[in-house]
Amino acid sequence: MLQKKGRRLPAWKGVLGGREIYAQTIAELLRKEHGDSHRAIKQLMRQTDASERTVKHWLSGQHGPDTVYFLRLVVSSPVIRAFVLGLIEGPASRRMPDPVDRYSLATAKDAYAAGEAAFNPSSRGNRQNVPEDDPDRDPINDPETLELNERQHWFLTRVSEGGRCGAAEIMVTWKVSLKTARRDIRGLQQAKLLEYVGSRRKGRYRRIQR
């Protein structure tokens, strides 16, 4: 058995004091933003893709949104987003000793891109097991890129660091079309800076060292 150290974790207070308080707080915030009419229910259903019964539970304070629905509310609701920012800046939040550095921000951005790419409809199911990184599917009639753009520099850095990434990551991170992302990769290949190694299904890009 572990020895008792005489230490206890600090109890959460306020809106984070328990599930019931959380549910009531979210209900009040949603009612302030949307009201409690049937129109409000429909609006929240559109924002979160939740069922009518689930939304009614939120508005009544019977239970609060679970993780996925709550994150959808953070993205789609200015009131809920302001509530989260208030929690972050509140007294219960642990202060970071130093400002967030560029590396941490880049890591967070990469994690988001990887998560989006993993569940992007264009990279799932209906592609007949042909990877988006298959070089045979990249545009082949585009002119060779003489000067690298910012996306290409970013992609080369990711590949050099050992990251397994492809056109989907460029598309999600830089908000460009899949065709543009493939054109960037094709330009790097034509410039002899990048090569595709391995099988069509499980291969990956590798930087060519000069």
N, C-alpha and C. Protein backbone atom coordinates (compact mmCIF):
# COMPACT_ATOMS: atom_id res chain seq x y z
N MET A 1 0.84 -1.20 0.00
CA MET A 1 0.00 0.00 0.00
C MET A 1 0.88 1.25 0.00
N LEU A 2 0.37 2.30 -0.64
CA LEU A 2 1.10 3.54 -0.66
C LEU A 2 0.98 4.25 0.68
N GLN A 3 2.08 4.85 1.10
CA GLN A 3 2.04 5.59 2.33
C GLN A 3 1.18 6.85 2.18
N LYS A 4 0.47 7.20 3.23
CA LYS A 4 -0.29 8.44 3.21
C LYS A 4 0.65 9.60 3.47
N LYS A 5 0.56 10.57 2.61
CA LYS A 5 1.46 11.71 2.71
C LYS A 5 0.81 12.91 3.39
N GLY A 6 -0.48 12.77 3.69
CA GLY A 6 -1.15 13.88 4.32
C GLY A 6 -1.48 14.99 3.35
N ARG A 7 -1.47 14.68 2.04
CA ARG A 7 -1.76 15.69 1.02
C ARG A 7 -3.07 15.34 0.33
N ARG A 8 -3.81 16.37 0.01
CA ARG A 8 -5.06 16.18 -0.72
C ARG A 8 -5.07 17.13 -1.91
N LEU A 9 -5.63 16.64 -2.99
CA LEU A 9 -5.77 17.51 -4.15
C LEU A 9 -6.76 18.62 -3.82
N PRO A 10 -6.51 19.84 -4.30
CA PRO A 10 -7.44 20.93 -4.01
C PRO A 10 -8.80 20.66 -4.63
N ALA A 11 -9.86 20.93 -3.89
CA ALA A 11 -11.21 20.71 -4.40
C ALA A 11 -11.56 21.78 -5.42
N TRP A 12 -12.20 21.36 -6.50
CA TRP A 12 -12.65 22.31 -7.51
C TRP A 12 -13.83 23.09 -6.97
N LYS A 13 -13.87 24.36 -7.31
CA LYS A 13 -14.95 25.22 -6.86
C LYS A 13 -15.63 25.86 -8.06
N GLY A 14 -16.76 26.53 -7.79
CA GLY A 14 -17.45 27.25 -8.85
C GLY A 14 -18.06 26.34 -9.89
N VAL A 15 -18.02 26.75 -11.15
CA VAL A 15 -18.69 26.02 -12.22
C VAL A 15 -18.08 24.65 -12.47
N LEU A 16 -16.87 24.40 -11.97
CA LEU A 16 -16.22 23.11 -12.15
C LEU A 16 -16.35 22.24 -10.90
N GLY A 17 -17.24 22.65 -10.00
CA GLY A 17 -17.38 21.93 -8.75
C GLY A 17 -18.05 20.58 -8.86
N GLY A 18 -18.72 20.32 -9.96
CA GLY A 18 -19.39 19.03 -10.14
C GLY A 18 -20.22 19.02 -11.40
N ARG A 19 -20.68 17.83 -11.78
CA ARG A 19 -21.44 17.68 -13.02
C ARG A 19 -22.74 18.48 -13.00
N GLU A 20 -23.40 18.52 -11.84
CA GLU A 20 -24.68 19.22 -11.75
C GLU A 20 -24.49 20.73 -11.95
N ILE A 21 -23.44 21.27 -11.31
CA ILE A 21 -23.17 22.70 -11.47
C ILE A 21 -22.77 23.01 -12.91
N TYR A 22 -21.96 22.13 -13.49
CA TYR A 22 -21.55 22.29 -14.89
C TYR A 22 -22.76 22.30 -15.81
N ALA A 23 -23.67 21.35 -15.62
CA ALA A 23 -24.85 21.26 -16.47
C ALA A 23 -25.72 22.51 -16.34
N GLN A 24 -25.92 22.98 -15.12
CA GLN A 24 -26.73 24.17 -14.90
C GLN A 24 -26.08 25.41 -15.50
N THR A 25 -24.76 25.50 -15.42
CA THR A 25 -24.05 26.65 -15.98
C THR A 25 -24.18 26.69 -17.50
N ILE A 26 -23.96 25.53 -18.15
CA ILE A 26 -24.08 25.47 -19.60
C ILE A 26 -25.50 25.78 -20.03
N ALA A 27 -26.48 25.26 -19.29
CA ALA A 27 -27.89 25.51 -19.62
C ALA A 27 -28.18 27.01 -19.59
N GLU A 28 -27.70 27.68 -18.57
CA GLU A 28 -27.94 29.12 -18.44
C GLU A 28 -27.27 29.89 -19.58
N LEU A 29 -26.05 29.50 -19.92
CA LEU A 29 -25.34 30.18 -21.01
C LEU A 29 -26.04 29.98 -22.36
N LEU A 30 -26.48 28.76 -22.62
CA LEU A 30 -27.16 28.47 -23.88
C LEU A 30 -28.50 29.19 -23.97
N ARG A 31 -29.21 29.26 -22.85
CA ARG A 31 -30.50 29.97 -22.85
C ARG A 31 -30.30 31.47 -23.07
N LYS A 32 -29.22 32.01 -22.52
CA LYS A 32 -28.93 33.43 -22.73
C LYS A 32 -28.63 33.70 -24.20
N GLU A 33 -27.96 32.76 -24.84
CA GLU A 33 -27.57 32.96 -26.24
C GLU A 33 -28.72 32.68 -27.21
N HIS A 34 -29.48 31.63 -26.94
CA HIS A 34 -30.49 31.18 -27.90
C HIS A 34 -31.92 31.28 -27.40
N GLY A 35 -32.12 31.46 -26.09
CA GLY A 35 -33.47 31.33 -25.55
C GLY A 35 -33.77 29.86 -25.30
N ASP A 36 -35.03 29.55 -25.00
CA ASP A 36 -35.39 28.14 -24.77
C ASP A 36 -36.57 27.72 -25.63
N SER A 37 -36.71 28.36 -26.78
CA SER A 37 -37.80 28.03 -27.70
C SER A 37 -37.41 26.83 -28.57
N HIS A 38 -38.37 26.36 -29.34
CA HIS A 38 -38.09 25.26 -30.26
C HIS A 38 -37.08 25.68 -31.32
N ARG A 39 -37.11 26.96 -31.69
CA ARG A 39 -36.14 27.47 -32.65
C ARG A 39 -34.72 27.35 -32.10
N ALA A 40 -34.57 27.62 -30.80
CA ALA A 40 -33.25 27.49 -30.17
C ALA A 40 -32.76 26.06 -30.22
N ILE A 41 -33.68 25.13 -29.99
CA ILE A 41 -33.31 23.71 -30.04
C ILE A 41 -32.81 23.34 -31.43
N LYS A 42 -33.52 23.78 -32.46
CA LYS A 42 -33.12 23.48 -33.83
C LYS A 42 -31.76 24.09 -34.16
N GLN A 43 -31.52 25.30 -33.67
CA GLN A 43 -30.26 25.96 -33.93
C GLN A 43 -29.09 25.19 -33.30
N LEU A 44 -29.29 24.76 -32.07
CA LEU A 44 -28.24 24.00 -31.39
C LEU A 44 -28.03 22.63 -32.04
N MET A 45 -29.09 22.04 -32.54
CA MET A 45 -28.95 20.77 -33.25
C MET A 45 -28.10 20.94 -34.50
N ARG A 46 -28.30 22.06 -35.22
CA ARG A 46 -27.51 22.33 -36.42
C ARG A 46 -26.05 22.60 -36.06
N GLN A 47 -25.82 23.30 -34.96
CA GLN A 47 -24.45 23.64 -34.57
C GLN A 47 -23.64 22.43 -34.13
N THR A 48 -24.30 21.47 -33.49
CA THR A 48 -23.56 20.37 -32.86
C THR A 48 -23.86 19.00 -33.44
N ASP A 49 -24.89 18.90 -34.26
CA ASP A 49 -25.32 17.60 -34.81
C ASP A 49 -25.81 16.67 -33.70
N ALA A 50 -26.28 17.25 -32.60
CA ALA A 50 -26.85 16.46 -31.51
C ALA A 50 -28.34 16.22 -31.77
N SER A 51 -28.89 15.23 -31.10
CA SER A 51 -30.32 14.93 -31.26
C SER A 51 -31.16 15.97 -30.51
N GLU A 52 -32.43 16.02 -30.85
CA GLU A 52 -33.32 16.98 -30.19
C GLU A 52 -33.42 16.69 -28.69
N ARG A 53 -33.49 15.43 -28.34
CA ARG A 53 -33.58 15.06 -26.93
C ARG A 53 -32.34 15.51 -26.15
N THR A 54 -31.18 15.33 -26.77
CA THR A 54 -29.93 15.72 -26.11
C THR A 54 -29.89 17.22 -25.86
N VAL A 55 -30.28 18.00 -26.88
CA VAL A 55 -30.26 19.45 -26.74
C VAL A 55 -31.24 19.90 -25.66
N LYS A 56 -32.41 19.27 -25.60
CA LYS A 56 -33.38 19.62 -24.57
C LYS A 56 -32.80 19.36 -23.17
N HIS A 57 -32.04 18.30 -23.04
CA HIS A 57 -31.38 18.00 -21.76
C HIS A 57 -30.39 19.10 -21.40
N TRP A 58 -29.65 19.60 -22.39
CA TRP A 58 -28.71 20.68 -22.12
C TRP A 58 -29.43 21.92 -21.63
N LEU A 59 -30.49 22.30 -22.34
CA LEU A 59 -31.20 23.54 -22.01
C LEU A 59 -31.92 23.45 -20.66
N SER A 60 -32.31 22.25 -20.29
CA SER A 60 -32.99 22.08 -19.00
C SER A 60 -32.01 21.91 -17.85
N GLY A 61 -30.73 21.71 -18.18
CA GLY A 61 -29.72 21.50 -17.14
C GLY A 61 -29.74 20.09 -16.59
N GLN A 62 -30.40 19.16 -17.31
CA GLN A 62 -30.44 17.78 -16.84
C GLN A 62 -29.05 17.15 -16.90
N HIS A 63 -28.34 17.43 -17.96
CA HIS A 63 -26.92 17.07 -18.03
C HIS A 63 -26.22 17.98 -19.02
N GLY A 64 -24.91 18.13 -18.86
CA GLY A 64 -24.16 19.01 -19.74
C GLY A 64 -23.62 18.27 -20.95
N PRO A 65 -23.16 18.99 -21.96
CA PRO A 65 -22.60 18.37 -23.17
C PRO A 65 -21.35 17.56 -22.84
N ASP A 66 -21.23 16.37 -23.46
CA ASP A 66 -20.02 15.59 -23.26
C ASP A 66 -18.89 16.19 -24.11
N THR A 67 -17.76 15.52 -24.15
CA THR A 67 -16.55 16.12 -24.71
C THR A 67 -16.71 16.60 -26.14
N VAL A 68 -17.16 15.72 -27.04
CA VAL A 68 -17.24 16.08 -28.45
C VAL A 68 -18.23 17.21 -28.67
N TYR A 69 -19.41 17.11 -28.06
CA TYR A 69 -20.42 18.14 -28.23
C TYR A 69 -19.95 19.46 -27.62
N PHE A 70 -19.26 19.37 -26.49
CA PHE A 70 -18.77 20.59 -25.86
C PHE A 70 -17.75 21.29 -26.77
N LEU A 71 -16.85 20.52 -27.38
CA LEU A 71 -15.88 21.11 -28.29
C LEU A 71 -16.56 21.73 -29.51
N ARG A 72 -17.63 21.09 -29.97
CA ARG A 72 -18.38 21.68 -31.09
C ARG A 72 -19.02 23.00 -30.68
N LEU A 73 -19.49 23.08 -29.44
CA LEU A 73 -20.05 24.33 -28.94
C LEU A 73 -18.97 25.40 -28.80
N VAL A 74 -17.79 24.99 -28.37
CA VAL A 74 -16.68 25.95 -28.25
C VAL A 74 -16.39 26.58 -29.61
N VAL A 75 -16.44 25.75 -30.66
CA VAL A 75 -16.14 26.24 -32.00
C VAL A 75 -17.28 27.11 -32.55
N SER A 76 -18.52 26.73 -32.27
CA SER A 76 -19.67 27.37 -32.94
C SER A 76 -20.39 28.42 -32.10
N SER A 77 -20.15 28.47 -30.81
CA SER A 77 -20.88 29.38 -29.94
C SER A 77 -19.96 30.42 -29.33
N PRO A 78 -20.15 31.71 -29.64
CA PRO A 78 -19.31 32.76 -29.03
C PRO A 78 -19.44 32.80 -27.51
N VAL A 79 -20.63 32.51 -26.99
CA VAL A 79 -20.85 32.55 -25.54
C VAL A 79 -20.06 31.44 -24.84
N ILE A 80 -20.15 30.22 -25.37
CA ILE A 80 -19.41 29.10 -24.76
C ILE A 80 -17.91 29.31 -24.91
N ARG A 81 -17.50 29.87 -26.05
CA ARG A 81 -16.06 30.14 -26.24
C ARG A 81 -15.58 31.16 -25.23
N ALA A 82 -16.37 32.20 -24.99
CA ALA A 82 -15.99 33.19 -23.99
C ALA A 82 -15.95 32.57 -22.59
N PHE A 83 -16.86 31.65 -22.33
CA PHE A 83 -16.87 30.94 -21.05
C PHE A 83 -15.58 30.16 -20.84
N VAL A 84 -15.13 29.46 -21.89
CA VAL A 84 -13.89 28.69 -21.80
C VAL A 84 -12.69 29.61 -21.59
N LEU A 85 -12.65 30.72 -22.32
CA LEU A 85 -11.55 31.67 -22.13
C LEU A 85 -11.54 32.23 -20.72
N GLY A 86 -12.73 32.42 -20.16
CA GLY A 86 -12.82 32.88 -18.78
C GLY A 86 -12.25 31.87 -17.81
N LEU A 87 -12.49 30.59 -18.07
CA LEU A 87 -11.91 29.55 -17.22
C LEU A 87 -10.39 29.54 -17.31
N ILE A 88 -9.90 29.72 -18.55
CA ILE A 88 -8.45 29.69 -18.75
C ILE A 88 -7.78 30.85 -18.02
N GLU A 89 -8.42 31.99 -18.02
CA GLU A 89 -7.83 33.17 -17.38
C GLU A 89 -8.23 33.30 -15.91
N GLY A 90 -9.06 32.39 -15.41
CA GLY A 90 -9.56 32.48 -14.05
C GLY A 90 -8.53 32.10 -13.01
N PRO A 91 -8.87 32.29 -11.73
CA PRO A 91 -7.92 32.01 -10.64
C PRO A 91 -7.55 30.54 -10.50
N ALA A 92 -8.42 29.63 -10.97
CA ALA A 92 -8.12 28.20 -10.83
C ALA A 92 -7.12 27.71 -11.86
N SER A 93 -6.90 28.50 -12.89
CA SER A 93 -6.00 28.09 -13.96
C SER A 93 -4.56 28.22 -13.53
N ARG A 94 -3.76 27.19 -13.80
CA ARG A 94 -2.34 27.24 -13.46
C ARG A 94 -1.60 28.07 -14.49
N ARG A 95 -0.90 29.06 -14.05
CA ARG A 95 -0.18 29.95 -14.95
C ARG A 95 1.07 29.28 -15.51
N MET A 96 1.29 29.47 -16.79
CA MET A 96 2.50 28.95 -17.41
C MET A 96 3.67 29.87 -17.05
N PRO A 97 4.81 29.30 -16.70
CA PRO A 97 5.94 30.13 -16.28
C PRO A 97 6.48 31.02 -17.39
N ASP A 98 6.37 30.55 -18.63
CA ASP A 98 6.90 31.31 -19.76
C ASP A 98 5.86 31.39 -20.86
N PRO A 99 5.94 32.40 -21.72
CA PRO A 99 5.02 32.46 -22.86
C PRO A 99 5.17 31.23 -23.74
N VAL A 100 4.12 30.90 -24.46
CA VAL A 100 4.18 29.75 -25.36
C VAL A 100 5.15 30.06 -26.49
N ASP A 101 6.15 29.20 -26.68
CA ASP A 101 7.14 29.46 -27.70
C ASP A 101 6.66 29.00 -29.06
N ARG A 102 7.38 29.38 -30.09
CA ARG A 102 6.98 29.07 -31.47
C ARG A 102 6.96 27.58 -31.72
N TYR A 103 7.88 26.84 -31.09
CA TYR A 103 7.92 25.39 -31.28
C TYR A 103 6.65 24.75 -30.75
N SER A 104 6.19 25.19 -29.57
CA SER A 104 4.97 24.63 -28.98
C SER A 104 3.76 24.94 -29.85
N LEU A 105 3.71 26.16 -30.38
CA LEU A 105 2.59 26.53 -31.24
C LEU A 105 2.61 25.69 -32.52
N ALA A 106 3.81 25.47 -33.07
CA ALA A 106 3.92 24.65 -34.28
C ALA A 106 3.52 23.21 -34.00
N THR A 107 3.90 22.70 -32.84
CA THR A 107 3.52 21.35 -32.46
C THR A 107 2.01 21.20 -32.33
N ALA A 108 1.38 22.21 -31.71
CA ALA A 108 -0.07 22.18 -31.57
C ALA A 108 -0.75 22.23 -32.93
N LYS A 109 -0.20 23.05 -33.82
CA LYS A 109 -0.77 23.16 -35.16
C LYS A 109 -0.63 21.84 -35.92
N ASP A 110 0.52 21.19 -35.77
CA ASP A 110 0.74 19.90 -36.42
C ASP A 110 -0.21 18.84 -35.88
N ALA A 111 -0.43 18.86 -34.56
CA ALA A 111 -1.34 17.89 -33.95
C ALA A 111 -2.75 18.07 -34.47
N TYR A 112 -3.17 19.33 -34.61
CA TYR A 112 -4.50 19.60 -35.15
C TYR A 112 -4.61 19.11 -36.59
N ALA A 113 -3.57 19.41 -37.39
CA ALA A 113 -3.58 18.99 -38.79
C ALA A 113 -3.66 17.47 -38.91
N ALA A 114 -2.89 16.77 -38.07
CA ALA A 114 -2.90 15.31 -38.11
C ALA A 114 -4.27 14.75 -37.74
N GLY A 115 -4.90 15.37 -36.74
CA GLY A 115 -6.22 14.92 -36.34
C GLY A 115 -7.26 15.14 -37.42
N GLU A 116 -7.21 16.30 -38.08
CA GLU A 116 -8.15 16.58 -39.16
C GLU A 116 -7.91 15.64 -40.34
N ALA A 117 -6.64 15.44 -40.67
CA ALA A 117 -6.32 14.59 -41.82
C ALA A 117 -6.74 13.14 -41.60
N ALA A 118 -6.64 12.69 -40.35
CA ALA A 118 -6.97 11.30 -40.05
C ALA A 118 -8.44 11.00 -40.31
N PHE A 119 -9.28 12.01 -40.18
CA PHE A 119 -10.71 11.78 -40.35
C PHE A 119 -11.29 12.60 -41.48
N ASN A 120 -10.44 13.03 -42.41
CA ASN A 120 -10.91 13.76 -43.57
C ASN A 120 -11.63 12.80 -44.51
N PRO A 121 -12.87 13.12 -44.92
CA PRO A 121 -13.63 12.20 -45.80
C PRO A 121 -12.89 11.88 -47.08
N SER A 122 -12.07 12.80 -47.58
CA SER A 122 -11.38 12.55 -48.84
C SER A 122 -10.28 11.52 -48.71
N SER A 123 -9.94 11.16 -47.46
CA SER A 123 -8.84 10.20 -47.26
C SER A 123 -9.33 8.90 -46.66
N ARG A 124 -10.66 8.66 -46.76
CA ARG A 124 -11.20 7.46 -46.14
C ARG A 124 -12.13 6.72 -47.09
N GLY A 125 -12.28 5.45 -46.80
CA GLY A 125 -13.38 4.66 -47.32
C GLY A 125 -13.43 4.48 -48.82
N ASN A 126 -13.76 5.53 -49.56
CA ASN A 126 -14.11 5.39 -50.96
C ASN A 126 -12.93 5.59 -51.89
N ARG A 127 -11.73 5.36 -51.40
CA ARG A 127 -10.56 5.63 -52.21
C ARG A 127 -9.93 4.35 -52.75
N GLN A 128 -10.53 3.21 -52.51
CA GLN A 128 -10.09 1.93 -53.06
C GLN A 128 -8.62 1.65 -52.71
N ASN A 129 -8.26 1.96 -51.45
CA ASN A 129 -6.94 1.64 -50.92
C ASN A 129 -5.79 2.32 -51.66
N VAL A 130 -6.09 3.43 -52.35
CA VAL A 130 -5.03 4.16 -53.02
C VAL A 130 -4.67 5.35 -52.16
N PRO A 131 -3.45 5.43 -51.63
CA PRO A 131 -3.10 6.52 -50.72
C PRO A 131 -3.05 7.85 -51.44
N GLU A 132 -3.39 8.93 -50.73
CA GLU A 132 -3.33 10.25 -51.32
C GLU A 132 -1.91 10.66 -51.62
N ASP A 133 -0.93 9.99 -50.98
CA ASP A 133 0.46 10.32 -51.19
C ASP A 133 1.07 9.56 -52.36
N ASP A 134 0.27 8.79 -53.07
CA ASP A 134 0.76 8.03 -54.20
C ASP A 134 1.26 9.01 -55.26
N PRO A 135 2.54 8.99 -55.60
CA PRO A 135 3.08 9.95 -56.56
C PRO A 135 2.44 9.84 -57.93
N ASP A 136 1.88 8.67 -58.27
CA ASP A 136 1.25 8.51 -59.57
C ASP A 136 -0.03 9.31 -59.69
N ARG A 137 -0.58 9.76 -58.54
CA ARG A 137 -1.81 10.51 -58.58
C ARG A 137 -1.56 12.01 -58.50
N ASP A 138 -0.30 12.44 -58.35
CA ASP A 138 0.00 13.85 -58.28
C ASP A 138 -0.07 14.46 -59.67
N PRO A 139 -0.31 15.78 -59.78
CA PRO A 139 -0.29 16.43 -61.09
C PRO A 139 1.08 16.28 -61.74
N ILE A 140 1.11 15.91 -63.02
CA ILE A 140 2.38 15.63 -63.68
C ILE A 140 2.72 16.67 -64.75
N ASN A 141 1.79 17.55 -65.07
CA ASN A 141 2.05 18.50 -66.13
C ASN A 141 2.28 19.92 -65.62
N ASP A 142 2.56 20.05 -64.36
CA ASP A 142 2.81 21.36 -63.79
C ASP A 142 4.27 21.73 -63.96
N PRO A 143 4.58 23.01 -64.14
CA PRO A 143 5.97 23.42 -64.32
C PRO A 143 6.78 23.19 -63.06
N GLU A 144 8.06 22.98 -63.23
CA GLU A 144 8.93 22.74 -62.09
C GLU A 144 9.01 23.99 -61.22
N THR A 145 8.96 23.81 -59.92
CA THR A 145 9.03 24.92 -59.00
C THR A 145 10.48 25.35 -58.84
N LEU A 146 10.79 26.61 -59.23
CA LEU A 146 12.16 27.10 -59.14
C LEU A 146 12.45 27.64 -57.75
N GLU A 147 11.48 28.30 -57.14
CA GLU A 147 11.65 28.83 -55.80
C GLU A 147 10.62 28.16 -54.90
N LEU A 148 11.06 27.70 -53.75
CA LEU A 148 10.16 27.01 -52.84
C LEU A 148 9.27 28.02 -52.13
N ASN A 149 7.99 27.67 -52.02
CA ASN A 149 7.09 28.53 -51.27
C ASN A 149 7.12 28.13 -49.79
N GLU A 150 6.37 28.87 -48.98
CA GLU A 150 6.40 28.64 -47.54
C GLU A 150 5.87 27.25 -47.18
N ARG A 151 4.86 26.80 -47.91
CA ARG A 151 4.31 25.47 -47.65
C ARG A 151 5.35 24.38 -47.92
N GLN A 152 6.09 24.54 -48.99
CA GLN A 152 7.10 23.54 -49.33
C GLN A 152 8.24 23.51 -48.31
N HIS A 153 8.67 24.68 -47.85
CA HIS A 153 9.70 24.72 -46.80
C HIS A 153 9.18 24.00 -45.55
N TRP A 154 7.92 24.27 -45.20
CA TRP A 154 7.32 23.63 -44.02
C TRP A 154 7.26 22.12 -44.19
N PHE A 155 6.89 21.67 -45.39
CA PHE A 155 6.76 20.23 -45.64
C PHE A 155 8.12 19.55 -45.57
N LEU A 156 9.14 20.17 -46.15
CA LEU A 156 10.48 19.59 -46.09
C LEU A 156 10.97 19.46 -44.66
N THR A 157 10.67 20.47 -43.86
CA THR A 157 11.08 20.42 -42.45
C THR A 157 10.38 19.27 -41.73
N ARG A 158 9.09 19.10 -41.97
CA ARG A 158 8.35 18.00 -41.35
C ARG A 158 8.93 16.65 -41.75
N VAL A 159 9.21 16.49 -43.03
CA VAL A 159 9.76 15.22 -43.52
C VAL A 159 11.15 14.98 -42.92
N SER A 160 11.97 16.03 -42.84
CA SER A 160 13.32 15.90 -42.28
C SER A 160 13.28 15.49 -40.82
N GLU A 161 12.26 15.92 -40.10
CA GLU A 161 12.13 15.58 -38.68
C GLU A 161 11.55 14.18 -38.47
N GLY A 162 11.26 13.49 -39.56
CA GLY A 162 10.76 12.13 -39.46
C GLY A 162 9.26 12.02 -39.43
N GLY A 163 8.57 13.14 -39.66
CA GLY A 163 7.12 13.11 -39.63
C GLY A 163 6.55 12.40 -40.85
N ARG A 164 5.55 11.57 -40.61
CA ARG A 164 4.89 10.87 -41.72
C ARG A 164 3.74 11.76 -42.18
N CYS A 165 3.94 12.48 -43.24
CA CYS A 165 2.93 13.42 -43.68
C CYS A 165 2.84 13.42 -45.19
N GLY A 166 1.78 14.02 -45.69
CA GLY A 166 1.56 14.04 -47.12
C GLY A 166 0.69 15.22 -47.52
N ALA A 167 0.00 15.07 -48.63
CA ALA A 167 -0.78 16.17 -49.18
C ALA A 167 -1.89 16.62 -48.23
N ALA A 168 -2.47 15.68 -47.49
CA ALA A 168 -3.58 16.04 -46.59
C ALA A 168 -3.13 17.01 -45.51
N GLU A 169 -1.91 16.82 -45.00
CA GLU A 169 -1.42 17.72 -43.96
C GLU A 169 -1.20 19.13 -44.51
N ILE A 170 -0.69 19.23 -45.72
CA ILE A 170 -0.54 20.56 -46.34
C ILE A 170 -1.91 21.20 -46.52
N MET A 171 -2.85 20.43 -47.01
CA MET A 171 -4.19 20.94 -47.28
C MET A 171 -4.85 21.48 -46.01
N VAL A 172 -4.78 20.71 -44.92
CA VAL A 172 -5.44 21.11 -43.68
C VAL A 172 -4.71 22.25 -42.99
N THR A 173 -3.39 22.16 -42.92
CA THR A 173 -2.61 23.16 -42.20
C THR A 173 -2.63 24.52 -42.89
N TRP A 174 -2.54 24.51 -44.22
CA TRP A 174 -2.43 25.77 -44.96
C TRP A 174 -3.72 26.18 -45.64
N LYS A 175 -4.79 25.39 -45.45
CA LYS A 175 -6.11 25.74 -45.99
C LYS A 175 -6.06 25.94 -47.51
N VAL A 176 -5.49 24.96 -48.19
CA VAL A 176 -5.44 24.98 -49.64
C VAL A 176 -6.12 23.72 -50.17
N SER A 177 -6.34 23.68 -51.47
CA SER A 177 -6.97 22.50 -52.06
C SER A 177 -6.00 21.34 -52.11
N LEU A 178 -6.56 20.13 -52.25
CA LEU A 178 -5.72 18.95 -52.34
C LEU A 178 -4.86 19.00 -53.61
N LYS A 179 -5.39 19.58 -54.68
CA LYS A 179 -4.62 19.71 -55.92
C LYS A 179 -3.41 20.60 -55.71
N THR A 180 -3.59 21.71 -54.99
CA THR A 180 -2.46 22.60 -54.70
C THR A 180 -1.42 21.91 -53.84
N ALA A 181 -1.88 21.14 -52.85
CA ALA A 181 -0.96 20.43 -51.98
C ALA A 181 -0.13 19.42 -52.77
N ARG A 182 -0.78 18.71 -53.67
CA ARG A 182 -0.05 17.74 -54.49
C ARG A 182 0.93 18.44 -55.43
N ARG A 183 0.54 19.62 -55.92
CA ARG A 183 1.44 20.38 -56.79
C ARG A 183 2.70 20.79 -56.03
N ASP A 184 2.53 21.17 -54.76
CA ASP A 184 3.69 21.52 -53.93
C ASP A 184 4.64 20.34 -53.81
N ILE A 185 4.07 19.16 -53.56
CA ILE A 185 4.91 17.96 -53.40
C ILE A 185 5.58 17.59 -54.71
N ARG A 186 4.83 17.70 -55.82
CA ARG A 186 5.42 17.39 -57.12
C ARG A 186 6.57 18.34 -57.44
N GLY A 187 6.44 19.61 -57.04
CA GLY A 187 7.52 20.56 -57.27
C GLY A 187 8.78 20.18 -56.52
N LEU A 188 8.61 19.69 -55.30
CA LEU A 188 9.77 19.25 -54.51
C LEU A 188 10.42 18.02 -55.14
N GLN A 189 9.61 17.14 -55.70
CA GLN A 189 10.16 15.96 -56.35
C GLN A 189 10.92 16.35 -57.61
N GLN A 190 10.35 17.28 -58.39
CA GLN A 190 11.02 17.70 -59.62
C GLN A 190 12.32 18.45 -59.33
N ALA A 191 12.36 19.12 -58.16
CA ALA A 191 13.58 19.83 -57.77
C ALA A 191 14.60 18.90 -57.12
N LYS A 192 14.30 17.61 -57.10
CA LYS A 192 15.20 16.60 -56.54
C LYS A 192 15.47 16.84 -55.05
N LEU A 193 14.44 17.33 -54.35
CA LEU A 193 14.55 17.53 -52.91
C LEU A 193 13.77 16.50 -52.12
N LEU A 194 12.93 15.74 -52.82
CA LEU A 194 12.02 14.83 -52.14
C LEU A 194 11.83 13.59 -52.98
N GLU A 195 11.69 12.45 -52.31
CA GLU A 195 11.40 11.21 -53.01
C GLU A 195 10.36 10.41 -52.23
N TYR A 196 9.67 9.57 -52.95
CA TYR A 196 8.66 8.71 -52.33
C TYR A 196 9.22 7.30 -52.26
N VAL A 197 9.28 6.73 -51.07
CA VAL A 197 9.87 5.40 -50.88
C VAL A 197 8.84 4.46 -50.28
N GLY A 198 8.97 3.19 -50.59
CA GLY A 198 8.05 2.20 -50.05
C GLY A 198 6.93 1.87 -51.02
N SER A 199 5.99 1.10 -50.53
CA SER A 199 4.88 0.65 -51.37
C SER A 199 3.88 1.78 -51.61
N ARG A 200 3.01 1.58 -52.57
CA ARG A 200 1.99 2.58 -52.86
C ARG A 200 1.07 2.81 -51.67
N ARG A 201 0.80 1.76 -50.92
CA ARG A 201 -0.14 1.86 -49.81
C ARG A 201 0.50 2.37 -48.52
N LYS A 202 1.73 1.92 -48.24
CA LYS A 202 2.36 2.23 -46.95
C LYS A 202 3.65 3.03 -47.09
N GLY A 203 3.88 3.58 -48.28
CA GLY A 203 5.10 4.34 -48.48
C GLY A 203 5.06 5.70 -47.80
N ARG A 204 6.16 6.42 -47.90
CA ARG A 204 6.26 7.74 -47.29
C ARG A 204 7.26 8.59 -48.05
N TYR A 205 7.22 9.88 -47.79
CA TYR A 205 8.16 10.78 -48.43
C TYR A 205 9.45 10.87 -47.61
N ARG A 206 10.56 11.07 -48.31
CA ARG A 206 11.85 11.20 -47.66
C ARG A 206 12.63 12.31 -48.35
N ARG A 207 13.27 13.13 -47.54
CA ARG A 207 14.05 14.23 -48.10
C ARG A 207 15.35 13.70 -48.68
N ILE A 208 15.71 14.23 -49.82
CA ILE A 208 16.96 13.85 -50.48
C ILE A 208 18.07 14.77 -49.99
N GLN A 209 19.06 14.20 -49.38
CA GLN A 209 20.17 14.99 -48.86
C GLN A 209 21.19 15.24 -49.95
N ARG A 210 21.62 16.47 -50.06
CA ARG A 210 22.61 16.82 -51.09
C ARG A 210 23.97 17.09 -50.46
